[in-house]
């Protein structure tokens, strides 16, 4: 199958799958607002979600992993922009997909065990121990790896792809500059918890992230449509 066709379909399919699963998690689990609730409530709500919720998280994790083949195919597609941008795009895209998948992997694989342990706990000490593990996993796998490194690397990859599009004679400059701007916004959003020791991060960074990801989804979709329309 033609590489450009596969890439175009992936670029269109990835943001659609990402947003469909995100909307499903929002409807069934109040994600991401649920993360601001008490751990006891989160674990109880997770148990109530059952197998369907676990599978939704598993699918959401796979959308993060999908960025790895997308970045590889896009690097090959934009090879005329130069070897430096090609290599940067490949490495940053693969790293972004991997760290976000690692961060999300706690939900379909670790949290079910913690939620079950919390539900079966018979003493306050047992429940407290489960909550400590849950909060530690959220701060390390979620905030540090999935959000901070994930947003930072995704932003860097998006900006590099944007620069490669600007350098390419066959790509629309508008899409390129939009990519650069969205990448900067995502990288800024990664700073939400940098330097903050409390449970809440910088509110301005928190507000930027959802807007930037909506723009990023539309940008990927537009790039995929451009590639599909350019197939001869």
C-alpha atoms as a PDB file:
ATOM      1  CA  UNK A   1       0.000   0.000   0.000  1.00  0.00           C
ATOM      2  CA  UNK A   2       1.198   3.499  -0.815  1.00  0.00           C
ATOM      3  CA  UNK A   3       3.039   5.122   2.111  1.00  0.00           C
ATOM      4  CA  UNK A   4       1.312   8.465   1.651  1.00  0.00           C
ATOM      5  CA  UNK A   5      -2.100   6.803   1.703  1.00  0.00           C
ATOM      6  CA  UNK A   6      -1.298   4.921   4.932  1.00  0.00           C
ATOM      7  CA  UNK A   7       0.068   8.081   6.531  1.00  0.00           C
ATOM      8  CA  UNK A   8      -2.935  10.132   5.454  1.00  0.00           C
ATOM      9  CA  UNK A   9      -5.353   7.570   6.871  1.00  0.00           C
ATOM     10  CA  UNK A  10      -3.417   7.394  10.157  1.00  0.00           C
ATOM     11  CA  UNK A  11      -3.332  11.175  10.479  1.00  0.00           C
ATOM     12  CA  UNK A  12      -7.086  11.330   9.959  1.00  0.00           C
ATOM     13  CA  UNK A  13      -7.860   8.299  12.107  1.00  0.00           C
ATOM     14  CA  UNK A  14      -5.631   9.143  15.077  1.00  0.00           C
ATOM     15  CA  UNK A  15      -7.314  12.395  16.172  1.00  0.00           C
ATOM     16  CA  UNK A  16     -10.763  10.902  15.557  1.00  0.00           C
ATOM     17  CA  UNK A  17      -9.984   7.843  17.710  1.00  0.00           C
ATOM     18  CA  UNK A  18      -8.311  10.022  20.361  1.00  0.00           C
ATOM     19  CA  UNK A  19     -11.301  12.353  20.688  1.00  0.00           C
ATOM     20  CA  UNK A  20     -13.936   9.591  20.536  1.00  0.00           C
ATOM     21  CA  UNK A  21     -12.236   7.722  23.375  1.00  0.00           C
ATOM     22  CA  UNK A  22     -11.640  10.945  25.300  1.00  0.00           C
ATOM     23  CA  UNK A  23     -15.342  11.787  25.005  1.00  0.00           C
ATOM     24  CA  UNK A  24     -16.288   8.272  26.142  1.00  0.00           C
ATOM     25  CA  UNK A  25     -14.033   8.585  29.196  1.00  0.00           C
ATOM     26  CA  UNK A  26     -15.525  11.997  29.953  1.00  0.00           C
ATOM     27  CA  UNK A  27     -19.062  10.593  29.745  1.00  0.00           C
ATOM     28  CA  UNK A  28     -18.451   7.430  31.793  1.00  0.00           C
ATOM     29  CA  UNK A  29     -15.722   8.539  34.199  1.00  0.00           C
ATOM     30  CA  UNK A  30     -15.863  12.366  34.168  1.00  0.00           C
ATOM     31  CA  UNK A  31     -12.291  12.417  32.868  1.00  0.00           C
ATOM     32  CA  UNK A  32     -10.241  14.583  33.283  1.00  0.00           C
ATOM     33  CA  UNK A  33     -12.223  16.390  36.021  1.00  0.00           C
ATOM     34  CA  UNK A  34     -12.307  13.182  38.066  1.00  0.00           C
ATOM     35  CA  UNK A  35      -8.559  13.580  38.650  1.00  0.00           C
ATOM     36  CA  UNK A  36      -9.307  16.595  40.860  1.00  0.00           C
ATOM     37  CA  UNK A  37     -11.450  14.464  43.200  1.00  0.00           C
ATOM     38  CA  UNK A  38     -10.376  12.542  46.288  1.00  0.00           C
ATOM     39  CA  UNK A  39      -8.529   9.253  45.599  1.00  0.00           C
ATOM     40  CA  UNK A  40     -11.190   7.247  47.463  1.00  0.00           C
ATOM     41  CA  UNK A  41     -13.885   8.552  45.100  1.00  0.00           C
ATOM     42  CA  UNK A  42     -11.728   7.937  42.005  1.00  0.00           C
ATOM     43  CA  UNK A  43     -11.038   4.329  42.986  1.00  0.00           C
ATOM     44  CA  UNK A  44     -14.691   3.686  43.812  1.00  0.00           C
ATOM     45  CA  UNK A  45     -15.850   5.201  40.527  1.00  0.00           C
ATOM     46  CA  UNK A  46     -13.268   3.111  38.679  1.00  0.00           C
ATOM     47  CA  UNK A  47     -14.609  -0.075  40.250  1.00  0.00           C
ATOM     48  CA  UNK A  48     -18.141   0.935  39.249  1.00  0.00           C
ATOM     49  CA  UNK A  49     -16.967   1.399  35.634  1.00  0.00           C
ATOM     50  CA  UNK A  50     -16.129  -2.285  35.304  1.00  0.00           C
ATOM     51  CA  UNK A  51     -14.565  -3.934  32.265  1.00  0.00           C
ATOM     52  CA  UNK A  52     -15.896  -1.324  29.841  1.00  0.00           C
ATOM     53  CA  UNK A  53     -13.945   1.434  31.582  1.00  0.00           C
ATOM     54  CA  UNK A  54     -10.745  -0.631  31.617  1.00  0.00           C
ATOM     55  CA  UNK A  55     -11.080  -1.267  27.873  1.00  0.00           C
ATOM     56  CA  UNK A  56     -11.685   2.435  27.203  1.00  0.00           C
ATOM     57  CA  UNK A  57      -8.423   3.252  28.983  1.00  0.00           C
ATOM     58  CA  UNK A  58      -6.631   0.515  27.053  1.00  0.00           C
ATOM     59  CA  UNK A  59      -7.865   1.948  23.765  1.00  0.00           C
ATOM     60  CA  UNK A  60      -6.883   5.458  24.836  1.00  0.00           C
ATOM     61  CA  UNK A  61      -3.379   4.167  25.607  1.00  0.00           C
ATOM     62  CA  UNK A  62      -3.165   2.702  22.088  1.00  0.00           C
ATOM     63  CA  UNK A  63      -3.908   6.102  20.532  1.00  0.00           C
ATOM     64  CA  UNK A  64      -0.757   7.393  22.250  1.00  0.00           C
ATOM     65  CA  UNK A  65       1.274   4.481  20.858  1.00  0.00           C
ATOM     66  CA  UNK A  66      -0.094   5.222  17.379  1.00  0.00           C
ATOM     67  CA  UNK A  67       2.004   8.385  17.335  1.00  0.00           C
ATOM     68  CA  UNK A  68       5.110   6.203  16.908  1.00  0.00           C
ATOM     69  CA  UNK A  69       4.287   4.850  13.408  1.00  0.00           C
ATOM     70  CA  UNK A  70       2.799   8.226  12.471  1.00  0.00           C
ATOM     71  CA  UNK A  71       6.054  10.001  13.338  1.00  0.00           C
ATOM     72  CA  UNK A  72       8.105   7.405  11.429  1.00  0.00           C
ATOM     73  CA  UNK A  73       5.986   7.650   8.269  1.00  0.00           C
ATOM     74  CA  UNK A  74       5.800  11.442   8.486  1.00  0.00           C
ATOM     75  CA  UNK A  75       9.583  11.684   8.854  1.00  0.00           C
ATOM     76  CA  UNK A  76       9.982   9.658   5.660  1.00  0.00           C
ATOM     77  CA  UNK A  77       7.342  11.772   3.909  1.00  0.00           C
ATOM     78  CA  UNK A  78       9.117  15.009   4.859  1.00  0.00           C
ATOM     79  CA  UNK A  79      12.628  13.725   4.104  1.00  0.00           C
ATOM     80  CA  UNK A  80      13.259  16.501   1.514  1.00  0.00           C
ATOM     81  CA  UNK A  81      13.197  19.017   4.396  1.00  0.00           C
ATOM     82  CA  UNK A  82      16.629  17.727   5.454  1.00  0.00           C
ATOM     83  CA  UNK A  83      18.174  14.933   7.543  1.00  0.00           C
ATOM     84  CA  UNK A  84      18.312  16.994  10.753  1.00  0.00           C
ATOM     85  CA  UNK A  85      14.579  17.702  10.858  1.00  0.00           C
ATOM     86  CA  UNK A  86      13.867  14.135   9.723  1.00  0.00           C
ATOM     87  CA  UNK A  87      15.892  12.611  12.576  1.00  0.00           C
ATOM     88  CA  UNK A  88      14.505  15.040  15.162  1.00  0.00           C
ATOM     89  CA  UNK A  89      10.946  14.372  14.052  1.00  0.00           C
ATOM     90  CA  UNK A  90      11.439  10.609  14.194  1.00  0.00           C
ATOM     91  CA  UNK A  91      13.052  10.577  17.649  1.00  0.00           C
ATOM     92  CA  UNK A  92      10.746  13.155  19.248  1.00  0.00           C
ATOM     93  CA  UNK A  93       7.576  11.599  17.844  1.00  0.00           C
ATOM     94  CA  UNK A  94       8.515   8.088  18.941  1.00  0.00           C
ATOM     95  CA  UNK A  95       9.526   9.318  22.401  1.00  0.00           C
ATOM     96  CA  UNK A  96       6.305  11.338  22.766  1.00  0.00           C
ATOM     97  CA  UNK A  97       4.121   8.371  21.885  1.00  0.00           C
ATOM     98  CA  UNK A  98       6.047   6.054  24.201  1.00  0.00           C
ATOM     99  CA  UNK A  99       6.019   8.255  27.326  1.00  0.00           C
ATOM    100  CA  UNK A 100       2.335   9.113  26.933  1.00  0.00           C
ATOM    101  CA  UNK A 101       1.504   5.416  26.547  1.00  0.00           C
ATOM    102  CA  UNK A 102       3.553   4.586  29.662  1.00  0.00           C
ATOM    103  CA  UNK A 103       1.706   7.272  31.595  1.00  0.00           C
ATOM    104  CA  UNK A 104      -1.699   6.007  30.469  1.00  0.00           C
ATOM    105  CA  UNK A 105      -0.803   2.330  31.030  1.00  0.00           C
ATOM    106  CA  UNK A 106      -1.448   2.710  34.755  1.00  0.00           C
ATOM    107  CA  UNK A 107      -5.203   2.943  34.106  1.00  0.00           C
ATOM    108  CA  UNK A 108      -5.846  -0.391  32.349  1.00  0.00           C
ATOM    109  CA  UNK A 109      -3.148  -2.350  34.239  1.00  0.00           C
ATOM    110  CA  UNK A 110      -2.337  -0.828  37.661  1.00  0.00           C
ATOM    111  CA  UNK A 111      -5.469   1.032  38.755  1.00  0.00           C
ATOM    112  CA  UNK A 112      -7.817  -2.003  38.439  1.00  0.00           C
ATOM    113  CA  UNK A 113      -5.712  -3.813  41.049  1.00  0.00           C
ATOM    114  CA  UNK A 114      -5.616  -0.775  43.320  1.00  0.00           C
ATOM    115  CA  UNK A 115      -9.365  -0.195  42.971  1.00  0.00           C
ATOM    116  CA  UNK A 116     -10.069  -3.836  43.799  1.00  0.00           C
ATOM    117  CA  UNK A 117      -7.715  -3.702  46.800  1.00  0.00           C
ATOM    118  CA  UNK A 118      -9.420  -0.551  48.041  1.00  0.00           C
ATOM    119  CA  UNK A 119     -12.877  -2.093  47.691  1.00  0.00           C
ATOM    120  CA  UNK A 120     -11.770  -5.242  49.566  1.00  0.00           C
ATOM    121  CA  UNK A 121      -9.871  -3.388  52.322  1.00  0.00           C
ATOM    122  CA  UNK A 122     -11.216  -3.985  55.823  1.00  0.00           C
ATOM    123  CA  UNK A 123      -9.174  -1.450  57.798  1.00  0.00           C
ATOM    124  CA  UNK A 124      -8.317   2.227  57.493  1.00  0.00           C
ATOM    125  CA  UNK A 125      -4.624   1.330  57.356  1.00  0.00           C
ATOM    126  CA  UNK A 126      -5.176  -0.866  54.290  1.00  0.00           C
ATOM    127  CA  UNK A 127      -7.201   1.810  52.547  1.00  0.00           C
ATOM    128  CA  UNK A 128      -4.578   4.436  53.360  1.00  0.00           C
ATOM    129  CA  UNK A 129      -1.819   2.224  51.907  1.00  0.00           C
ATOM    130  CA  UNK A 130      -3.763   1.793  48.656  1.00  0.00           C
ATOM    131  CA  UNK A 131      -4.350   5.543  48.391  1.00  0.00           C
ATOM    132  CA  UNK A 132      -0.640   6.285  48.927  1.00  0.00           C
ATOM    133  CA  UNK A 133       0.317   3.911  46.085  1.00  0.00           C
ATOM    134  CA  UNK A 134      -2.400   5.356  43.841  1.00  0.00           C
ATOM    135  CA  UNK A 135      -1.309   8.955  44.444  1.00  0.00           C
ATOM    136  CA  UNK A 136       2.364   8.093  43.942  1.00  0.00           C
ATOM    137  CA  UNK A 137       1.569   6.366  40.637  1.00  0.00           C
ATOM    138  CA  UNK A 138      -0.512   9.334  39.512  1.00  0.00           C
ATOM    139  CA  UNK A 139       2.217  11.853  40.310  1.00  0.00           C
ATOM    140  CA  UNK A 140       5.018   9.824  38.717  1.00  0.00           C
ATOM    141  CA  UNK A 141       3.412   7.948  35.810  1.00  0.00           C
ATOM    142  CA  UNK A 142       0.648  10.474  35.186  1.00  0.00           C
ATOM    143  CA  UNK A 143       1.994  13.936  35.946  1.00  0.00           C
ATOM    144  CA  UNK A 144       5.744  13.439  35.435  1.00  0.00           C
ATOM    145  CA  UNK A 145       5.876  10.926  32.576  1.00  0.00           C
ATOM    146  CA  UNK A 146       2.517  11.098  30.794  1.00  0.00           C
ATOM    147  CA  UNK A 147       1.723  14.786  31.145  1.00  0.00           C
ATOM    148  CA  UNK A 148       4.988  16.684  31.611  1.00  0.00           C
ATOM    149  CA  UNK A 149       7.255  14.643  29.325  1.00  0.00           C
ATOM    150  CA  UNK A 150       4.356  13.677  27.062  1.00  0.00           C
ATOM    151  CA  UNK A 151       3.190  17.236  26.455  1.00  0.00           C
ATOM    152  CA  UNK A 152       6.774  18.520  26.175  1.00  0.00           C
ATOM    153  CA  UNK A 153       7.872  15.915  23.621  1.00  0.00           C
ATOM    154  CA  UNK A 154       4.607  16.104  21.665  1.00  0.00           C
ATOM    155  CA  UNK A 155       5.001  19.868  21.510  1.00  0.00           C
ATOM    156  CA  UNK A 156       8.608  19.586  20.361  1.00  0.00           C
ATOM    157  CA  UNK A 157       7.634  17.014  17.703  1.00  0.00           C
ATOM    158  CA  UNK A 158       4.756  19.181  16.459  1.00  0.00           C
ATOM    159  CA  UNK A 159       7.006  22.236  16.134  1.00  0.00           C
ATOM    160  CA  UNK A 160       9.690  20.228  14.299  1.00  0.00           C
ATOM    161  CA  UNK A 161       7.092  18.832  11.881  1.00  0.00           C
ATOM    162  CA  UNK A 162       5.792  22.372  11.410  1.00  0.00           C
ATOM    163  CA  UNK A 163       9.281  23.606  10.509  1.00  0.00           C
ATOM    164  CA  UNK A 164       9.706  20.678   8.111  1.00  0.00           C
ATOM    165  CA  UNK A 165       6.398  21.587   6.435  1.00  0.00           C
ATOM    166  CA  UNK A 166       7.528  25.194   6.050  1.00  0.00           C
ATOM    167  CA  UNK A 167      10.798  23.961   4.502  1.00  0.00           C
ATOM    168  CA  UNK A 168       9.001  21.652   2.090  1.00  0.00           C
ATOM    169  CA  UNK A 169       8.028  23.123  -1.287  1.00  0.00           C
ATOM    170  CA  UNK A 170       5.050  20.758  -1.530  1.00  0.00           C
ATOM    171  CA  UNK A 171       3.421  21.525   1.838  1.00  0.00           C
ATOM    172  CA  UNK A 172       1.190  24.478   2.776  1.00  0.00           C
ATOM    173  CA  UNK A 173       3.139  27.027   4.843  1.00  0.00           C
ATOM    174  CA  UNK A 174       0.017  27.755   6.904  1.00  0.00           C
ATOM    175  CA  UNK A 175      -0.086  24.208   8.247  1.00  0.00           C
ATOM    176  CA  UNK A 176       3.598  24.454   9.042  1.00  0.00           C
ATOM    177  CA  UNK A 177       3.339  27.652  11.059  1.00  0.00           C
ATOM    178  CA  UNK A 178       0.240  26.368  12.816  1.00  0.00           C
ATOM    179  CA  UNK A 179       2.236  23.314  13.831  1.00  0.00           C
ATOM    180  CA  UNK A 180       5.029  25.464  15.224  1.00  0.00           C
ATOM    181  CA  UNK A 181       2.561  27.530  17.263  1.00  0.00           C
ATOM    182  CA  UNK A 182       0.656  24.511  18.575  1.00  0.00           C
ATOM    183  CA  UNK A 183       3.912  22.834  19.528  1.00  0.00           C
ATOM    184  CA  UNK A 184       4.931  25.847  21.590  1.00  0.00           C
ATOM    185  CA  UNK A 185       1.505  25.861  23.292  1.00  0.00           C
ATOM    186  CA  UNK A 186       1.767  22.159  24.180  1.00  0.00           C
ATOM    187  CA  UNK A 187       5.296  22.618  25.518  1.00  0.00           C
ATOM    188  CA  UNK A 188       4.046  25.514  27.648  1.00  0.00           C
ATOM    189  CA  UNK A 189       1.237  23.326  28.972  1.00  0.00           C
ATOM    190  CA  UNK A 190       3.826  20.775  30.107  1.00  0.00           C
ATOM    191  CA  UNK A 191       4.989  23.274  32.736  1.00  0.00           C
ATOM    192  CA  UNK A 192       1.753  23.000  34.757  1.00  0.00           C
ATOM    193  CA  UNK A 193       3.347  21.261  37.734  1.00  0.00           C
ATOM    194  CA  UNK A 194       6.959  22.404  37.324  1.00  0.00           C
ATOM    195  CA  UNK A 195       8.066  24.073  40.560  1.00  0.00           C
ATOM    196  CA  UNK A 196       4.722  23.419  42.293  1.00  0.00           C
ATOM    197  CA  UNK A 197       4.815  21.295  45.422  1.00  0.00           C
ATOM    198  CA  UNK A 198       1.060  21.421  46.084  1.00  0.00           C
ATOM    199  CA  UNK A 199      -1.721  19.340  44.523  1.00  0.00           C
ATOM    200  CA  UNK A 200      -2.595  22.058  41.987  1.00  0.00           C
ATOM    201  CA  UNK A 201      -0.351  23.345  39.214  1.00  0.00           C
ATOM    202  CA  UNK A 202      -0.118  26.634  37.362  1.00  0.00           C
ATOM    203  CA  UNK A 203      -3.686  27.493  36.352  1.00  0.00           C
ATOM    204  CA  UNK A 204      -2.685  29.257  33.122  1.00  0.00           C
ATOM    205  CA  UNK A 205      -0.855  26.133  31.877  1.00  0.00           C
ATOM    206  CA  UNK A 206      -3.837  24.003  32.889  1.00  0.00           C
ATOM    207  CA  UNK A 207      -6.138  26.156  30.735  1.00  0.00           C
ATOM    208  CA  UNK A 208      -3.801  26.077  27.728  1.00  0.00           C
ATOM    209  CA  UNK A 209      -3.569  22.273  27.436  1.00  0.00           C
ATOM    210  CA  UNK A 210      -7.165  21.394  26.387  1.00  0.00           C
ATOM    211  CA  UNK A 211      -7.249  24.259  23.869  1.00  0.00           C
ATOM    212  CA  UNK A 212      -3.871  23.227  22.458  1.00  0.00           C
ATOM    213  CA  UNK A 213      -4.945  19.574  22.133  1.00  0.00           C
ATOM    214  CA  UNK A 214      -8.133  20.502  20.301  1.00  0.00           C
ATOM    215  CA  UNK A 215      -6.046  22.575  17.900  1.00  0.00           C
ATOM    216  CA  UNK A 216      -3.505  19.752  17.627  1.00  0.00           C
ATOM    217  CA  UNK A 217      -6.237  17.236  16.728  1.00  0.00           C
ATOM    218  CA  UNK A 218      -7.599  19.531  14.013  1.00  0.00           C
ATOM    219  CA  UNK A 219      -4.063  20.135  12.729  1.00  0.00           C
ATOM    220  CA  UNK A 220      -3.371  16.391  12.408  1.00  0.00           C
ATOM    221  CA  UNK A 221      -6.709  15.919  10.678  1.00  0.00           C
ATOM    222  CA  UNK A 222      -6.020  18.749   8.232  1.00  0.00           C
ATOM    223  CA  UNK A 223      -2.548  17.395   7.485  1.00  0.00           C
ATOM    224  CA  UNK A 224      -3.992  13.963   6.787  1.00  0.00           C
ATOM    225  CA  UNK A 225      -6.647  15.375   4.455  1.00  0.00           C
ATOM    226  CA  UNK A 226      -3.997  17.367   2.553  1.00  0.00           C
ATOM    227  CA  UNK A 227      -1.926  14.228   2.056  1.00  0.00           C
ATOM    228  CA  UNK A 228      -4.914  12.159   0.921  1.00  0.00           C
ATOM    229  CA  UNK A 229      -6.023  14.824  -1.557  1.00  0.00           C
ATOM    230  CA  UNK A 230      -2.467  15.012  -2.951  1.00  0.00           C
ATOM    231  CA  UNK A 231      -2.362  11.306  -3.878  1.00  0.00           C
ATOM    232  CA  UNK A 232      -2.118  10.949  -7.645  1.00  0.00           C
END
